[in-house]
Protein backbone atom coordinates (compact mmCIF):
# COMPACT_ATOMS: atom_id res chain seq x y z
CA MET A 1 10.00 87.05 107.36
CA LYS A 2 9.04 85.12 104.23
CA ASP A 3 10.01 81.83 102.66
CA VAL A 4 13.08 82.37 100.51
CA VAL A 5 13.88 81.15 97.00
CA VAL A 6 17.60 81.24 96.18
CA VAL A 7 18.46 81.30 92.48
CA LEU A 8 22.07 80.95 91.36
CA GLY A 9 22.60 81.98 87.79
CA ALA A 10 20.47 85.00 86.94
CA GLY A 11 19.91 84.12 83.29
CA GLY A 12 16.83 83.01 81.41
CA ILE A 13 16.32 79.60 83.01
CA GLY A 14 16.86 80.88 86.56
CA GLN A 15 14.43 83.73 85.99
CA ALA A 16 11.83 81.43 84.40
CA ILE A 17 11.84 79.16 87.43
CA ALA A 18 11.80 82.11 89.83
CA ARG A 19 8.65 83.45 88.16
CA ARG A 20 6.90 80.15 88.78
CA VAL A 21 7.88 79.52 92.40
CA GLY A 22 8.71 82.99 93.74
CA ALA A 23 5.29 84.64 94.16
CA GLY A 24 4.73 85.66 97.76
CA ARG A 25 8.29 84.73 98.66
CA HIS A 26 11.58 86.58 98.77
CA VAL A 27 13.71 85.73 95.72
CA VAL A 28 17.47 86.01 96.18
CA LEU A 29 19.19 86.29 92.81
CA ALA A 30 22.87 85.41 92.92
CA ASP A 31 25.41 85.45 90.13
CA LEU A 32 29.17 85.64 89.74
CA ARG A 33 28.52 88.98 88.05
CA LEU A 34 26.69 91.28 90.45
CA ASP A 35 25.41 93.42 87.58
CA ALA A 36 23.67 90.35 86.09
CA ALA A 37 22.01 89.57 89.41
CA GLN A 38 20.93 93.19 89.79
CA ALA A 39 19.49 93.29 86.27
CA ALA A 40 17.45 90.14 86.92
CA SER A 41 16.34 91.56 90.26
CA ARG A 42 15.03 94.68 88.55
CA ILE A 43 13.17 92.64 85.92
CA LEU A 44 11.45 90.47 88.50
CA GLY A 45 10.89 93.42 90.81
CA ASP A 46 9.09 95.30 88.06
CA ALA A 47 6.88 92.21 87.66
CA GLY A 48 5.81 92.31 91.31
CA PHE A 49 8.28 89.94 92.94
CA GLU A 50 10.16 90.77 96.14
CA THR A 51 13.84 90.34 95.32
CA SER A 52 17.39 91.04 96.35
CA ALA A 53 20.60 90.65 94.39
CA THR A 54 24.00 89.49 95.54
CA GLN A 55 27.31 88.30 94.12
CA ALA A 56 28.18 84.63 94.63
CA ASP A 57 30.81 82.25 93.33
CA ILE A 58 29.64 78.63 93.48
CA ALA A 59 33.24 77.49 93.13
CA SER A 60 33.92 78.94 96.60
CA ARG A 61 32.56 77.32 99.76
CA GLU A 62 33.09 80.57 101.63
CA SER A 63 31.01 82.44 99.06
CA ILE A 64 28.22 79.86 99.24
CA ARG A 65 28.10 80.13 103.03
CA ALA A 66 27.92 83.92 102.73
CA LEU A 67 25.02 83.52 100.30
CA ILE A 68 23.18 81.32 102.79
CA GLU A 69 23.65 83.93 105.52
CA HIS A 70 22.32 86.63 103.20
CA ALA A 71 19.27 84.56 102.27
CA GLN A 72 18.45 83.69 105.87
CA GLU A 73 18.14 87.37 106.70
CA PHE A 74 14.80 87.29 104.84
CA GLY A 75 13.46 84.00 106.18
CA PRO A 76 13.82 80.22 105.90
CA ILE A 77 15.29 78.90 102.66
CA ARG A 78 12.46 76.98 101.01
CA ASN A 79 13.79 76.55 97.47
CA LEU A 80 17.18 76.35 95.80
CA VAL A 81 17.64 76.69 92.05
CA ASN A 82 21.11 76.20 90.63
CA ALA A 83 21.20 77.47 87.06
CA ALA A 84 24.81 78.67 87.25
CA GLY A 85 27.63 77.22 85.22
CA VAL A 86 30.00 77.57 82.29
CA SER A 87 29.98 75.78 78.93
CA PRO A 88 32.76 74.14 76.87
CA SER A 89 33.16 77.27 74.74
CA GLN A 90 33.31 79.63 77.70
CA ALA A 91 36.06 78.31 79.92
CA PRO A 92 39.11 76.00 80.14
CA VAL A 93 38.98 72.50 81.61
CA ALA A 94 40.02 73.51 85.13
CA THR A 95 37.35 76.20 85.38
CA ILE A 96 34.58 73.95 84.07
CA LEU A 97 35.43 71.28 86.63
CA LYS A 98 35.81 73.78 89.45
CA VAL A 99 32.49 75.51 88.74
CA ASP A 100 30.19 72.89 87.25
CA LEU A 101 31.40 69.78 89.07
CA TYR A 102 32.92 70.91 92.37
CA GLY A 103 30.84 74.06 92.82
CA THR A 104 27.50 72.34 92.37
CA SER A 105 28.56 69.63 94.82
CA VAL A 106 29.50 72.19 97.48
CA LEU A 107 26.26 74.04 96.89
CA LEU A 108 24.12 70.95 97.49
CA GLU A 109 26.13 70.02 100.55
CA GLU A 110 25.86 73.43 102.20
CA PHE A 111 22.21 74.13 101.34
CA GLY A 112 21.31 70.60 102.43
CA LYS A 113 22.25 71.66 105.96
CA VAL A 114 19.76 74.55 106.05
CA VAL A 115 16.88 73.88 103.62
CA ALA A 116 13.50 74.21 105.32
CA GLU A 117 11.13 71.33 106.03
CA GLY A 118 9.07 70.70 102.91
CA GLY A 119 11.57 72.55 100.74
CA SER A 120 12.97 71.54 97.39
CA GLY A 121 15.96 72.04 95.16
CA ILE A 122 16.57 71.92 91.43
CA VAL A 123 19.93 71.60 89.68
CA ILE A 124 20.11 72.49 86.01
CA SER A 125 22.36 69.84 84.47
CA SER A 126 22.58 69.12 80.72
CA GLN A 127 21.84 66.61 78.01
CA SER A 128 25.63 66.38 77.62
CA GLY A 129 25.85 64.28 80.75
CA HIS A 130 23.69 61.65 79.08
CA ARG A 131 26.14 61.27 76.19
CA LEU A 132 29.13 60.39 78.29
CA HIS A 133 30.12 56.72 78.03
CA ALA A 134 29.04 54.40 80.81
CA LEU A 135 31.16 54.76 83.93
CA THR A 136 32.18 51.95 86.23
CA GLU A 137 30.22 51.30 89.39
CA GLU A 138 33.15 52.64 91.40
CA GLU A 139 33.33 55.85 89.33
CA ASN A 140 29.57 56.41 89.70
CA ALA A 141 29.81 55.93 93.46
CA ALA A 142 32.74 58.32 93.71
CA LEU A 143 30.94 61.08 91.80
CA ALA A 144 27.80 60.57 93.91
CA THR A 145 29.25 60.24 97.39
CA ALA A 146 32.98 61.00 97.60
CA PRO A 147 33.89 63.81 100.03
CA THR A 148 33.40 67.02 98.10
CA GLU A 149 36.95 68.24 98.61
CA GLU A 150 38.26 65.04 96.99
CA LEU A 151 36.20 65.22 93.79
CA LEU A 152 38.74 67.16 91.75
CA LYS A 153 41.48 64.75 92.87
CA LEU A 154 39.80 61.63 91.48
CA PRO A 155 42.18 60.03 88.93
CA PHE A 156 39.61 59.89 86.12
CA ILE A 157 38.81 63.59 86.70
CA VAL A 158 42.45 64.70 86.89
CA SER A 159 43.14 63.05 83.53
CA ILE A 160 40.54 65.13 81.61
CA THR A 161 42.14 67.42 79.02
CA ASP A 162 39.19 68.27 76.72
CA THR A 163 36.64 70.97 77.59
CA LEU A 164 33.70 68.96 76.23
CA LYS A 165 34.69 65.93 78.31
CA ALA A 166 35.09 68.18 81.35
CA TYR A 167 31.56 69.46 80.80
CA GLN A 168 30.13 65.97 80.24
CA TYR A 169 31.75 64.59 83.37
CA SER A 170 30.58 67.62 85.34
CA LYS A 171 26.99 67.17 84.23
CA ARG A 172 27.07 63.43 84.89
CA CYS A 173 28.39 64.28 88.34
CA ASN A 174 25.53 66.76 88.86
CA VAL A 175 22.98 64.00 88.26
CA LEU A 176 24.79 61.49 90.47
CA ARG A 177 25.42 64.06 93.19
CA VAL A 178 21.72 64.91 93.25
CA MET A 179 21.01 61.22 93.85
CA GLY A 180 23.54 61.08 96.66
CA GLU A 181 22.53 64.35 98.32
CA ALA A 182 18.78 63.66 97.99
CA THR A 183 19.13 61.14 100.79
CA ASN A 184 20.56 63.85 103.04
CA TRP A 185 17.97 66.45 102.01
CA ALA A 186 15.25 63.92 102.83
CA LYS A 187 16.32 63.97 106.47
CA ARG A 188 15.07 67.57 106.50
CA GLY A 189 11.87 66.69 104.63
CA ALA A 190 13.12 68.28 101.40
CA THR A 191 13.29 67.00 97.84
CA LEU A 192 16.14 67.41 95.36
CA ASN A 193 16.10 66.75 91.62
CA SER A 194 18.01 67.68 88.49
CA ILE A 195 16.84 68.75 85.04
CA SER A 196 18.98 68.04 81.97
CA PRO A 197 17.98 70.44 79.19
CA GLY A 198 19.01 70.25 75.59
CA ILE A 199 19.79 73.45 73.74
CA ILE A 200 17.75 76.19 75.40
CA ILE A 201 17.99 79.66 73.89
CA THR A 202 19.86 81.64 76.54
CA PRO A 203 23.00 83.80 76.39
CA LEU A 204 25.06 80.68 77.19
CA ALA A 205 23.46 78.77 74.31
CA ASN A 206 23.99 81.71 71.99
CA ASP A 207 27.69 81.63 72.90
CA GLU A 208 27.75 77.98 71.87
CA LEU A 209 25.81 78.61 68.63
CA LYS A 210 28.31 81.33 67.71
CA GLY A 211 31.34 79.45 68.99
CA PRO A 212 33.62 76.84 67.42
CA ARG A 213 30.92 74.17 67.71
CA GLY A 214 28.14 76.41 66.39
CA GLU A 215 27.67 74.71 63.04
CA GLY A 216 27.36 71.35 64.73
CA TYR A 217 24.76 72.66 67.16
CA ARG A 218 22.67 74.17 64.37
CA LYS A 219 22.74 70.88 62.45
CA MET A 220 21.78 69.04 65.63
CA LEU A 221 18.72 71.25 66.07
CA SER A 222 17.62 70.71 62.48
CA LEU A 223 17.78 66.92 62.86
CA CYS A 224 16.45 66.40 66.38
CA PRO A 225 12.87 65.02 66.61
CA CYS A 226 11.31 68.34 67.68
CA ARG A 227 13.32 70.29 65.06
CA ARG A 228 13.97 73.27 67.32
CA ALA A 229 15.66 74.53 70.43
CA GLY A 230 13.82 74.81 73.72
CA THR A 231 12.84 77.86 75.75
CA PRO A 232 13.55 78.76 79.38
CA ASP A 233 9.81 78.68 80.08
CA GLU A 234 9.56 75.02 79.11
CA VAL A 235 12.25 74.20 81.66
CA GLY A 236 10.50 76.46 84.14
CA ASP A 237 7.24 74.55 83.77
CA LEU A 238 8.96 71.27 84.60
CA ALA A 239 10.79 72.78 87.57
CA GLU A 240 7.55 74.26 88.89
CA PHE A 241 5.93 70.82 88.94
CA LEU A 242 8.89 69.19 90.68
CA MET A 243 9.00 71.91 93.35
CA SER A 244 5.24 71.94 93.93
CA SER A 245 3.07 69.86 96.23
CA ARG A 246 2.43 67.55 93.27
CA GLY A 247 6.10 66.60 93.12
CA ARG A 248 6.62 65.54 96.71
CA TRP A 249 7.13 61.86 95.82
CA ILE A 250 9.87 62.72 93.34
CA THR A 251 13.40 63.11 94.64
CA GLY A 252 16.88 62.06 93.61
CA SER A 253 15.78 61.98 89.97
CA ASP A 254 16.97 63.52 86.71
CA PHE A 255 14.65 64.73 83.93
CA LEU A 256 15.88 64.95 80.35
CA ILE A 257 14.15 67.73 78.41
CA ASP A 258 15.86 68.02 75.04
CA GLY A 259 13.30 67.70 72.25
CA GLY A 260 14.33 64.10 71.68
CA THR A 261 17.96 64.94 70.90
CA THR A 262 19.44 62.25 73.14
CA ALA A 263 17.05 59.61 71.77
CA SER A 264 18.13 60.53 68.26
CA TYR A 265 21.80 60.56 69.32
CA PHE A 266 21.58 56.90 70.25
CA TYR A 267 18.97 55.59 67.83
CA GLY A 268 18.06 58.21 65.20
CA ASP A 269 19.41 60.75 62.73
CA LEU A 270 21.96 62.15 65.19
CA GLN A 271 23.95 58.93 65.59
CA TYR A 272 26.73 60.52 63.53
CA LEU A 273 27.55 62.59 66.62
CA LYS A 274 28.87 59.51 68.42
CA ALA A 275 32.02 59.68 66.32
CA THR A 276 32.78 63.18 67.65
CA HIS A 277 31.80 62.57 71.28
C-alpha cells in the first residue's frame, strides 16, 4: 500500500502536478474520457510513475464515490488535484455549472471525508473568476457554504444565461468553496487551496484560441504584462510548493498565476475588456 495521488482531468496541468508530487506514490488518473486517462497513465508510467487510469464524472456524486473506492484500493488518499472542467467555448450554460461549479463542490465535500492526515488538495480555478463583479456578502456565503445540492438552485445561479458568466461564477465559486471546505479538511490535518491560472497552453486553451473568442484571447496575450501564455509546468511548480511540507501554513487560499493579465484588466492596457465582461 502506498500514498495515493488522485488527479481529475488528465490533461497538461494535471500531468504537470502529478510529475511533481507523484514520485513514490500511486497516481490515479481520472477523466470523463477513459482513453484520455489511459493515455496520461501510459505517459507517466513510461516516466517511472506507478499509475492507474479510470473513468470519472465530477458532475456525479456516485461517480466521485466510486473514484474514491478505486483510489483507496492502493492506499490512503494523500493528495487530490482537480484539473477537470469545461470552458465557455466547450459547453452550454447548464453543463458548465453542473461540472465546474457543482461538480467541484461535490468533489471537495466527498474527498474531505477521506483525505489522509497531512494531506493536501489543489483545485484549478481560473483568472476568469477574478473578473466577475463583486458579489454581495450573502452571495459569497452561499457559494462558500450552502449545501452542495442547493447550489444550482440559488436564484442568482439559475438566472445565468451566458456561458462566460456561467464560467466566471463557477470559478468564483471554486475559490469560495475552497475557503469553506478548507475548514473541514483542517479537521483531518489536511490543507486545501486553489490556483487561478491565466491562459495556459493546453488542449482546452487551444479550443478557446481557435473558438469564437480566439481573436480576443490572442490580443489579450499580446497586451498582458508578461506578453505570453503560461505553461502547465509553471502551474505545476506552484502546486508542488503548496502541497509540500513548505506549504503547511497555507490553506483556504487562492493563487492567481496569469502573467499579470488581471492586474492589467483592472489598471493597465487590458481595461478595454471590462466593456465586454
